[in-house]
């Protein structure tokens, strides 16, 4: 999975929340980032694993961005390492 796309998803969510005051839907993220909804879910899972956002399962528009100051540099997970090795 491409880290640049994950960052683009994060940037879209951040901009959307700043503009509208609430989180975008999964379909709005997919449309805004030119991705399918299953791809968006994988990027959201990655952002959640990195601690950059939280979600409440089963609740629409429940994404919350974590504080910028507490963010750590993301590390590659096992899926990312395997994908990098295949290239």
PDB file of N, CA and C in Angstrom:
ATOM      1  N   UNK A   1       0.837  -1.176   0.000  1.00  0.00           N
ATOM      2  CA  UNK A   1       0.000   0.000   0.000  1.00  0.00           C
ATOM      3  C   UNK A   1       0.883   1.241   0.000  1.00  0.00           C
ATOM      4  N   UNK A   2       0.525   2.201  -0.775  1.00  0.00           N
ATOM      5  CA  UNK A   2       1.323   3.394  -0.976  1.00  0.00           C
ATOM      6  C   UNK A   2       1.135   4.402   0.161  1.00  0.00           C
ATOM      7  N   UNK A   3       2.224   4.795   0.798  1.00  0.00           N
ATOM      8  CA  UNK A   3       2.171   5.738   1.910  1.00  0.00           C
ATOM      9  C   UNK A   3       1.675   7.103   1.451  1.00  0.00           C
ATOM     10  N   UNK A   4       2.020   7.513   0.237  1.00  0.00           N
ATOM     11  CA  UNK A   4       1.566   8.808  -0.269  1.00  0.00           C
ATOM     12  C   UNK A   4       0.039   8.862  -0.372  1.00  0.00           C
ATOM     13  N   UNK A   5      -0.570   7.751  -0.766  1.00  0.00           N
ATOM     14  CA  UNK A   5      -2.028   7.708  -0.853  1.00  0.00           C
ATOM     15  C   UNK A   5      -2.636   7.773   0.548  1.00  0.00           C
ATOM     16  N   UNK A   6      -2.028   7.073   1.493  1.00  0.00           N
ATOM     17  CA  UNK A   6      -2.505   7.129   2.876  1.00  0.00           C
ATOM     18  C   UNK A   6      -2.441   8.563   3.395  1.00  0.00           C
ATOM     19  N   UNK A   7      -1.367   9.263   3.091  1.00  0.00           N
ATOM     20  CA  UNK A   7      -1.235  10.665   3.510  1.00  0.00           C
ATOM     21  C   UNK A   7      -2.275  11.542   2.816  1.00  0.00           C
ATOM     22  N   UNK A   8      -2.595  11.237   1.558  1.00  0.00           N
ATOM     23  CA  UNK A   8      -3.619  11.994   0.833  1.00  0.00           C
ATOM     24  C   UNK A   8      -5.001  11.778   1.465  1.00  0.00           C
ATOM     25  N   UNK A   9      -5.277  10.562   1.895  1.00  0.00           N
ATOM     26  CA  UNK A   9      -6.538  10.268   2.583  1.00  0.00           C
ATOM     27  C   UNK A   9      -6.604  11.062   3.885  1.00  0.00           C
ATOM     28  N   UNK A  10      -5.519  11.069   4.644  1.00  0.00           N
ATOM     29  CA  UNK A  10      -5.463  11.824   5.900  1.00  0.00           C
ATOM     30  C   UNK A  10      -5.685  13.319   5.635  1.00  0.00           C
ATOM     31  N   UNK A  11      -5.018  13.853   4.617  1.00  0.00           N
ATOM     32  CA  UNK A  11      -5.152  15.271   4.282  1.00  0.00           C
ATOM     33  C   UNK A  11      -6.582  15.602   3.867  1.00  0.00           C
ATOM     34  N   UNK A  12      -7.212  14.709   3.115  1.00  0.00           N
ATOM     35  CA  UNK A  12      -8.599  14.927   2.709  1.00  0.00           C
ATOM     36  C   UNK A  12      -9.506  14.992   3.926  1.00  0.00           C
ATOM     37  N   UNK A  13      -9.342  14.055   4.842  1.00  0.00           N
ATOM     38  CA  UNK A  13     -10.169  14.019   6.053  1.00  0.00           C
ATOM     39  C   UNK A  13      -9.960  15.293   6.870  1.00  0.00           C
ATOM     40  N   UNK A  14      -8.718  15.684   7.034  1.00  0.00           N
ATOM     41  CA  UNK A  14      -8.395  16.882   7.816  1.00  0.00           C
ATOM     42  C   UNK A  14      -9.034  18.125   7.202  1.00  0.00           C
ATOM     43  N   UNK A  15      -8.910  18.276   5.884  1.00  0.00           N
ATOM     44  CA  UNK A  15      -9.479  19.434   5.189  1.00  0.00           C
ATOM     45  C   UNK A  15     -11.007  19.417   5.279  1.00  0.00           C
ATOM     46  N   UNK A  16     -11.598  18.250   5.137  1.00  0.00           N
ATOM     47  CA  UNK A  16     -13.051  18.120   5.186  1.00  0.00           C
ATOM     48  C   UNK A  16     -13.576  18.525   6.564  1.00  0.00           C
ATOM     49  N   UNK A  17     -12.935  18.040   7.608  1.00  0.00           N
ATOM     50  CA  UNK A  17     -13.360  18.381   8.973  1.00  0.00           C
ATOM     51  C   UNK A  17     -13.219  19.878   9.217  1.00  0.00           C
ATOM     52  N   UNK A  18     -12.142  20.475   8.733  1.00  0.00           N
ATOM     53  CA  UNK A  18     -11.958  21.918   8.897  1.00  0.00           C
ATOM     54  C   UNK A  18     -13.038  22.701   8.158  1.00  0.00           C
ATOM     55  N   UNK A  19     -13.430  22.218   6.983  1.00  0.00           N
ATOM     56  CA  UNK A  19     -14.410  22.925   6.173  1.00  0.00           C
ATOM     57  C   UNK A  19     -15.842  22.741   6.683  1.00  0.00           C
ATOM     58  N   UNK A  20     -16.223  21.516   7.060  1.00  0.00           N
ATOM     59  CA  UNK A  20     -17.611  21.216   7.401  1.00  0.00           C
ATOM     60  C   UNK A  20     -17.864  21.031   8.896  1.00  0.00           C
ATOM     61  N   UNK A  21     -16.825  20.773   9.679  1.00  0.00           N
ATOM     62  CA  UNK A  21     -17.009  20.606  11.115  1.00  0.00           C
ATOM     63  C   UNK A  21     -17.352  19.193  11.555  1.00  0.00           C
ATOM     64  N   UNK A  22     -17.399  18.255  10.621  1.00  0.00           N
ATOM     65  CA  UNK A  22     -17.644  16.851  10.948  1.00  0.00           C
ATOM     66  C   UNK A  22     -16.892  15.988   9.938  1.00  0.00           C
ATOM     67  N   UNK A  23     -16.734  14.723  10.265  1.00  0.00           N
ATOM     68  CA  UNK A  23     -15.945  13.814   9.436  1.00  0.00           C
ATOM     69  C   UNK A  23     -16.686  13.429   8.157  1.00  0.00           C
ATOM     70  N   UNK A  24     -15.937  13.159   7.091  1.00  0.00           N
ATOM     71  CA  UNK A  24     -16.558  12.711   5.834  1.00  0.00           C
ATOM     72  C   UNK A  24     -17.007  11.251   5.942  1.00  0.00           C
ATOM     73  N   UNK A  25     -17.930  10.883   5.075  1.00  0.00           N
ATOM     74  CA  UNK A  25     -18.339   9.482   4.993  1.00  0.00           C
ATOM     75  C   UNK A  25     -17.279   8.709   4.206  1.00  0.00           C
ATOM     76  N   UNK A  26     -17.366   7.413   4.274  1.00  0.00           N
ATOM     77  CA  UNK A  26     -16.439   6.552   3.535  1.00  0.00           C
ATOM     78  C   UNK A  26     -16.537   6.833   2.030  1.00  0.00           C
ATOM     79  N   UNK A  27     -17.738   6.995   1.523  1.00  0.00           N
ATOM     80  CA  UNK A  27     -17.930   7.266   0.094  1.00  0.00           C
ATOM     81  C   UNK A  27     -17.408   8.640  -0.303  1.00  0.00           C
ATOM     82  N   UNK A  28     -17.533   9.618   0.586  1.00  0.00           N
ATOM     83  CA  UNK A  28     -16.998  10.940   0.282  1.00  0.00           C
ATOM     84  C   UNK A  28     -15.469  10.908   0.203  1.00  0.00           C
ATOM     85  N   UNK A  29     -14.839  10.152   1.088  1.00  0.00           N
ATOM     86  CA  UNK A  29     -13.379   9.997   1.031  1.00  0.00           C
ATOM     87  C   UNK A  29     -12.991   9.299  -0.267  1.00  0.00           C
ATOM     88  N   UNK A  30     -13.705   8.220  -0.593  1.00  0.00           N
ATOM     89  CA  UNK A  30     -13.413   7.466  -1.821  1.00  0.00           C
ATOM     90  C   UNK A  30     -13.532   8.367  -3.046  1.00  0.00           C
ATOM     91  N   UNK A  31     -14.586   9.150  -3.110  1.00  0.00           N
ATOM     92  CA  UNK A  31     -14.791  10.048  -4.242  1.00  0.00           C
ATOM     93  C   UNK A  31     -13.730  11.139  -4.280  1.00  0.00           C
ATOM     94  N   UNK A  32     -13.418  11.720  -3.134  1.00  0.00           N
ATOM     95  CA  UNK A  32     -12.452  12.809  -3.072  1.00  0.00           C
ATOM     96  C   UNK A  32     -11.022  12.391  -3.348  1.00  0.00           C
ATOM     97  N   UNK A  33     -10.716  11.124  -3.095  1.00  0.00           N
ATOM     98  CA  UNK A  33      -9.348  10.621  -3.298  1.00  0.00           C
ATOM     99  C   UNK A  33      -9.237   9.687  -4.504  1.00  0.00           C
ATOM    100  N   UNK A  34     -10.330   9.527  -5.241  1.00  0.00           N
ATOM    101  CA  UNK A  34     -10.356   8.669  -6.436  1.00  0.00           C
ATOM    102  C   UNK A  34      -9.955   7.231  -6.117  1.00  0.00           C
ATOM    103  N   UNK A  35     -10.555   6.699  -5.036  1.00  0.00           N
ATOM    104  CA  UNK A  35     -10.292   5.335  -4.600  1.00  0.00           C
ATOM    105  C   UNK A  35     -11.607   4.590  -4.452  1.00  0.00           C
ATOM    106  N   UNK A  36     -11.525   3.284  -4.374  1.00  0.00           N
ATOM    107  CA  UNK A  36     -12.691   2.477  -4.040  1.00  0.00           C
ATOM    108  C   UNK A  36     -12.875   2.459  -2.531  1.00  0.00           C
ATOM    109  N   UNK A  37     -14.073   2.122  -2.084  1.00  0.00           N
ATOM    110  CA  UNK A  37     -14.329   2.140  -0.645  1.00  0.00           C
ATOM    111  C   UNK A  37     -13.488   1.106   0.114  1.00  0.00           C
ATOM    112  N   UNK A  38     -13.213  -0.047  -0.509  1.00  0.00           N
ATOM    113  CA  UNK A  38     -12.383  -1.046   0.186  1.00  0.00           C
ATOM    114  C   UNK A  38     -10.951  -0.542   0.348  1.00  0.00           C
ATOM    115  N   UNK A  39     -10.455   0.208  -0.636  1.00  0.00           N
ATOM    116  CA  UNK A  39      -9.109   0.797  -0.508  1.00  0.00           C
ATOM    117  C   UNK A  39      -9.087   1.844   0.593  1.00  0.00           C
ATOM    118  N   UNK A  40     -10.143   2.648   0.665  1.00  0.00           N
ATOM    119  CA  UNK A  40     -10.224   3.664   1.725  1.00  0.00           C
ATOM    120  C   UNK A  40     -10.195   2.986   3.087  1.00  0.00           C
ATOM    121  N   UNK A  41     -10.920   1.891   3.235  1.00  0.00           N
ATOM    122  CA  UNK A  41     -10.924   1.174   4.516  1.00  0.00           C
ATOM    123  C   UNK A  41      -9.524   0.716   4.912  1.00  0.00           C
ATOM    124  N   UNK A  42      -8.762   0.217   3.959  1.00  0.00           N
ATOM    125  CA  UNK A  42      -7.388  -0.220   4.258  1.00  0.00           C
ATOM    126  C   UNK A  42      -6.523   0.962   4.700  1.00  0.00           C
ATOM    127  N   UNK A  43      -6.684   2.118   4.035  1.00  0.00           N
ATOM    128  CA  UNK A  43      -5.906   3.298   4.421  1.00  0.00           C
ATOM    129  C   UNK A  43      -6.342   3.815   5.788  1.00  0.00           C
ATOM    130  N   UNK A  44      -7.636   3.755   6.086  1.00  0.00           N
ATOM    131  CA  UNK A  44      -8.114   4.169   7.407  1.00  0.00           C
ATOM    132  C   UNK A  44      -7.583   3.225   8.492  1.00  0.00           C
ATOM    133  N   UNK A  45      -7.549   1.927   8.195  1.00  0.00           N
ATOM    134  CA  UNK A  45      -6.977   0.958   9.141  1.00  0.00           C
ATOM    135  C   UNK A  45      -5.521   1.297   9.423  1.00  0.00           C
ATOM    136  N   UNK A  46      -4.791   1.646   8.378  1.00  0.00           N
ATOM    137  CA  UNK A  46      -3.376   1.996   8.526  1.00  0.00           C
ATOM    138  C   UNK A  46      -3.228   3.264   9.376  1.00  0.00           C
ATOM    139  N   UNK A  47      -4.022   4.287   9.073  1.00  0.00           N
ATOM    140  CA  UNK A  47      -3.951   5.533   9.851  1.00  0.00           C
ATOM    141  C   UNK A  47      -4.311   5.293  11.315  1.00  0.00           C
ATOM    142  N   UNK A  48      -5.268   4.420  11.549  1.00  0.00           N
ATOM    143  CA  UNK A  48      -5.645   4.086  12.926  1.00  0.00           C
ATOM    144  C   UNK A  48      -4.512   3.336  13.629  1.00  0.00           C
ATOM    145  N   UNK A  49      -3.859   2.423  12.917  1.00  0.00           N
ATOM    146  CA  UNK A  49      -2.730   1.681  13.488  1.00  0.00           C
ATOM    147  C   UNK A  49      -1.569   2.616  13.819  1.00  0.00           C
ATOM    148  N   UNK A  50      -1.391   3.656  13.012  1.00  0.00           N
ATOM    149  CA  UNK A  50      -0.337   4.638  13.255  1.00  0.00           C
ATOM    150  C   UNK A  50      -0.697   5.595  14.382  1.00  0.00           C
ATOM    151  N   UNK A  51      -1.957   5.583  14.836  1.00  0.00           N
ATOM    152  CA  UNK A  51      -2.381   6.485  15.888  1.00  0.00           C
ATOM    153  C   UNK A  51      -2.727   7.876  15.391  1.00  0.00           C
ATOM    154  N   UNK A  52      -2.992   8.018  14.099  1.00  0.00           N
ATOM    155  CA  UNK A  52      -3.297   9.338  13.533  1.00  0.00           C
ATOM    156  C   UNK A  52      -4.778   9.643  13.526  1.00  0.00           C
ATOM    157  N   UNK A  53      -5.624   8.613  13.672  1.00  0.00           N
ATOM    158  CA  UNK A  53      -7.055   8.845  13.809  1.00  0.00           C
ATOM    159  C   UNK A  53      -7.680   7.709  14.596  1.00  0.00           C
ATOM    160  N   UNK A  54      -8.879   7.966  15.102  1.00  0.00           N
ATOM    161  CA  UNK A  54      -9.647   6.923  15.786  1.00  0.00           C
ATOM    162  C   UNK A  54     -11.019   6.858  15.134  1.00  0.00           C
ATOM    163  N   UNK A  55     -11.643   5.675  15.227  1.00  0.00           N
ATOM    164  CA  UNK A  55     -12.988   5.467  14.690  1.00  0.00           C
ATOM    165  C   UNK A  55     -13.789   4.663  15.698  1.00  0.00           C
ATOM    166  N   UNK A  56     -15.088   4.884  15.713  1.00  0.00           N
ATOM    167  CA  UNK A  56     -15.998   4.085  16.529  1.00  0.00           C
ATOM    168  C   UNK A  56     -16.674   3.085  15.602  1.00  0.00           C
ATOM    169  N   UNK A  57     -16.446   1.793  15.803  1.00  0.00           N
ATOM    170  CA  UNK A  57     -17.046   0.792  14.920  1.00  0.00           C
ATOM    171  C   UNK A  57     -18.572   0.895  14.915  1.00  0.00           C
ATOM    172  N   UNK A  58     -19.142   0.821  13.723  1.00  0.00           N
ATOM    173  CA  UNK A  58     -20.587   0.840  13.594  1.00  0.00           C
ATOM    174  C   UNK A  58     -21.222   2.220  13.621  1.00  0.00           C
ATOM    175  N   UNK A  59     -20.438   3.264  13.758  1.00  0.00           N
ATOM    176  CA  UNK A  59     -20.972   4.632  13.788  1.00  0.00           C
ATOM    177  C   UNK A  59     -20.512   5.392  12.552  1.00  0.00           C
ATOM    178  N   UNK A  60     -21.459   5.998  11.860  1.00  0.00           N
ATOM    179  CA  UNK A  60     -21.131   6.788  10.675  1.00  0.00           C
ATOM    180  C   UNK A  60     -20.418   8.072  11.074  1.00  0.00           C
ATOM    181  N   UNK A  61     -19.461   8.503  10.261  1.00  0.00           N
ATOM    182  CA  UNK A  61     -18.728   9.763  10.451  1.00  0.00           C
ATOM    183  C   UNK A  61     -18.102   9.877  11.843  1.00  0.00           C
ATOM    184  N   UNK A  62     -17.586   8.781  12.348  1.00  0.00           N
ATOM    185  CA  UNK A  62     -17.046   8.768  13.715  1.00  0.00           C
ATOM    186  C   UNK A  62     -15.536   8.980  13.779  1.00  0.00           C
ATOM    187  N   UNK A  63     -14.908   9.347  12.664  1.00  0.00           N
ATOM    188  CA  UNK A  63     -13.454   9.547  12.654  1.00  0.00           C
ATOM    189  C   UNK A  63     -13.071  10.799  13.431  1.00  0.00           C
ATOM    190  N   UNK A  64     -12.023  10.676  14.209  1.00  0.00           N
ATOM    191  CA  UNK A  64     -11.452  11.817  14.921  1.00  0.00           C
ATOM    192  C   UNK A  64      -9.952  11.798  14.694  1.00  0.00           C
ATOM    193  N   UNK A  65      -9.414  12.936  14.289  1.00  0.00           N
ATOM    194  CA  UNK A  65      -7.974  13.036  14.074  1.00  0.00           C
ATOM    195  C   UNK A  65      -7.292  13.230  15.414  1.00  0.00           C
ATOM    196  N   UNK A  66      -6.142  12.605  15.556  1.00  0.00           N
ATOM    197  CA  UNK A  66      -5.379  12.737  16.796  1.00  0.00           C
ATOM    198  C   UNK A  66      -4.521  13.996  16.707  1.00  0.00           C
ATOM    199  N   UNK A  67      -4.099  14.477  17.831  1.00  0.00           N
ATOM    200  CA  UNK A  67      -3.299  15.702  17.918  1.00  0.00           C
ATOM    201  C   UNK A  67      -2.012  15.575  17.122  1.00  0.00           C
ATOM    202  N   UNK A  68      -1.691  16.620  16.354  1.00  0.00           N
ATOM    203  CA  UNK A  68      -0.466  16.635  15.548  1.00  0.00           C
ATOM    204  C   UNK A  68       0.773  16.517  16.413  1.00  0.00           C
ATOM    205  N   UNK A  69       0.771  17.143  17.582  1.00  0.00           N
ATOM    206  CA  UNK A  69       1.970  17.177  18.418  1.00  0.00           C
ATOM    207  C   UNK A  69       2.338  15.809  18.975  1.00  0.00           C
ATOM    208  N   UNK A  70       1.345  14.928  19.115  1.00  0.00           N
ATOM    209  CA  UNK A  70       1.636  13.617  19.699  1.00  0.00           C
ATOM    210  C   UNK A  70       1.897  12.551  18.644  1.00  0.00           C
ATOM    211  N   UNK A  71       1.889  12.934  17.375  1.00  0.00           N
ATOM    212  CA  UNK A  71       2.100  11.946  16.321  1.00  0.00           C
ATOM    213  C   UNK A  71       3.559  11.504  16.267  1.00  0.00           C
ATOM    214  N   UNK A  72       3.718  10.230  16.128  1.00  0.00           N
ATOM    215  CA  UNK A  72       5.053   9.673  15.927  1.00  0.00           C
ATOM    216  C   UNK A  72       5.217   9.392  14.441  1.00  0.00           C
ATOM    217  N   UNK A  73       6.432   9.277  14.012  1.00  0.00           N
ATOM    218  CA  UNK A  73       6.699   8.927  12.614  1.00  0.00           C
ATOM    219  C   UNK A  73       6.183   7.514  12.376  1.00  0.00           C
ATOM    220  N   UNK A  74       5.354   7.307  11.358  1.00  0.00           N
ATOM    221  CA  UNK A  74       4.805   5.967  11.123  1.00  0.00           C
ATOM    222  C   UNK A  74       5.905   4.969  10.771  1.00  0.00           C
ATOM    223  N   UNK A  75       5.727   3.758  11.247  1.00  0.00           N
ATOM    224  CA  UNK A  75       6.665   2.704  10.914  1.00  0.00           C
ATOM    225  C   UNK A  75       5.962   1.717  10.004  1.00  0.00           C
ATOM    226  N   UNK A  76       6.726   1.062   9.181  1.00  0.00           N
ATOM    227  CA  UNK A  76       6.141   0.097   8.262  1.00  0.00           C
ATOM    228  C   UNK A  76       5.673  -1.122   9.027  1.00  0.00           C
ATOM    229  N   UNK A  77       4.427  -1.527   8.750  1.00  0.00           N
ATOM    230  CA  UNK A  77       3.888  -2.745   9.334  1.00  0.00           C
ATOM    231  C   UNK A  77       4.309  -3.940   8.511  1.00  0.00           C
ATOM    232  N   UNK A  78       3.941  -5.125   8.942  1.00  0.00           N
ATOM    233  CA  UNK A  78       4.304  -6.352   8.242  1.00  0.00           C
ATOM    234  C   UNK A  78       3.754  -6.342   6.816  1.00  0.00           C
ATOM    235  N   UNK A  79       2.513  -5.901   6.650  1.00  0.00           N
ATOM    236  CA  UNK A  79       1.915  -5.856   5.308  1.00  0.00           C
ATOM    237  C   UNK A  79       2.720  -4.938   4.388  1.00  0.00           C
ATOM    238  N   UNK A  80       3.169  -3.797   4.927  1.00  0.00           N
ATOM    239  CA  UNK A  80       3.944  -2.850   4.137  1.00  0.00           C
ATOM    240  C   UNK A  80       5.304  -3.432   3.760  1.00  0.00           C
ATOM    241  N   UNK A  81       5.929  -4.134   4.705  1.00  0.00           N
ATOM    242  CA  UNK A  81       7.240  -4.724   4.442  1.00  0.00           C
ATOM    243  C   UNK A  81       7.143  -5.800   3.362  1.00  0.00           C
ATOM    244  N   UNK A  82       6.104  -6.643   3.446  1.00  0.00           N
ATOM    245  CA  UNK A  82       5.926  -7.686   2.440  1.00  0.00           C
ATOM    246  C   UNK A  82       5.664  -7.076   1.072  1.00  0.00           C
ATOM    247  N   UNK A  83       4.841  -6.043   1.048  1.00  0.00           N
ATOM    248  CA  UNK A  83       4.536  -5.388  -0.216  1.00  0.00           C
ATOM    249  C   UNK A  83       5.772  -4.742  -0.812  1.00  0.00           C
ATOM    250  N   UNK A  84       6.641  -4.159   0.023  1.00  0.00           N
ATOM    251  CA  UNK A  84       7.877  -3.529  -0.460  1.00  0.00           C
ATOM    252  C   UNK A  84       8.842  -4.590  -1.011  1.00  0.00           C
ATOM    253  N   UNK A  85       8.858  -5.755  -0.370  1.00  0.00           N
ATOM    254  CA  UNK A  85       9.748  -6.819  -0.823  1.00  0.00           C
ATOM    255  C   UNK A  85       9.324  -7.373  -2.184  1.00  0.00           C
ATOM    256  N   UNK A  86       8.034  -7.347  -2.458  1.00  0.00           N
ATOM    257  CA  UNK A  86       7.524  -7.870  -3.718  1.00  0.00           C
ATOM    258  C   UNK A  86       7.865  -6.974  -4.898  1.00  0.00           C
ATOM    259  N   UNK A  87       8.132  -5.714  -4.637  1.00  0.00           N
ATOM    260  CA  UNK A  87       8.408  -4.763  -5.733  1.00  0.00           C
ATOM    261  C   UNK A  87       9.790  -4.880  -6.261  1.00  0.00           C
TER     262      UNK A  87
END
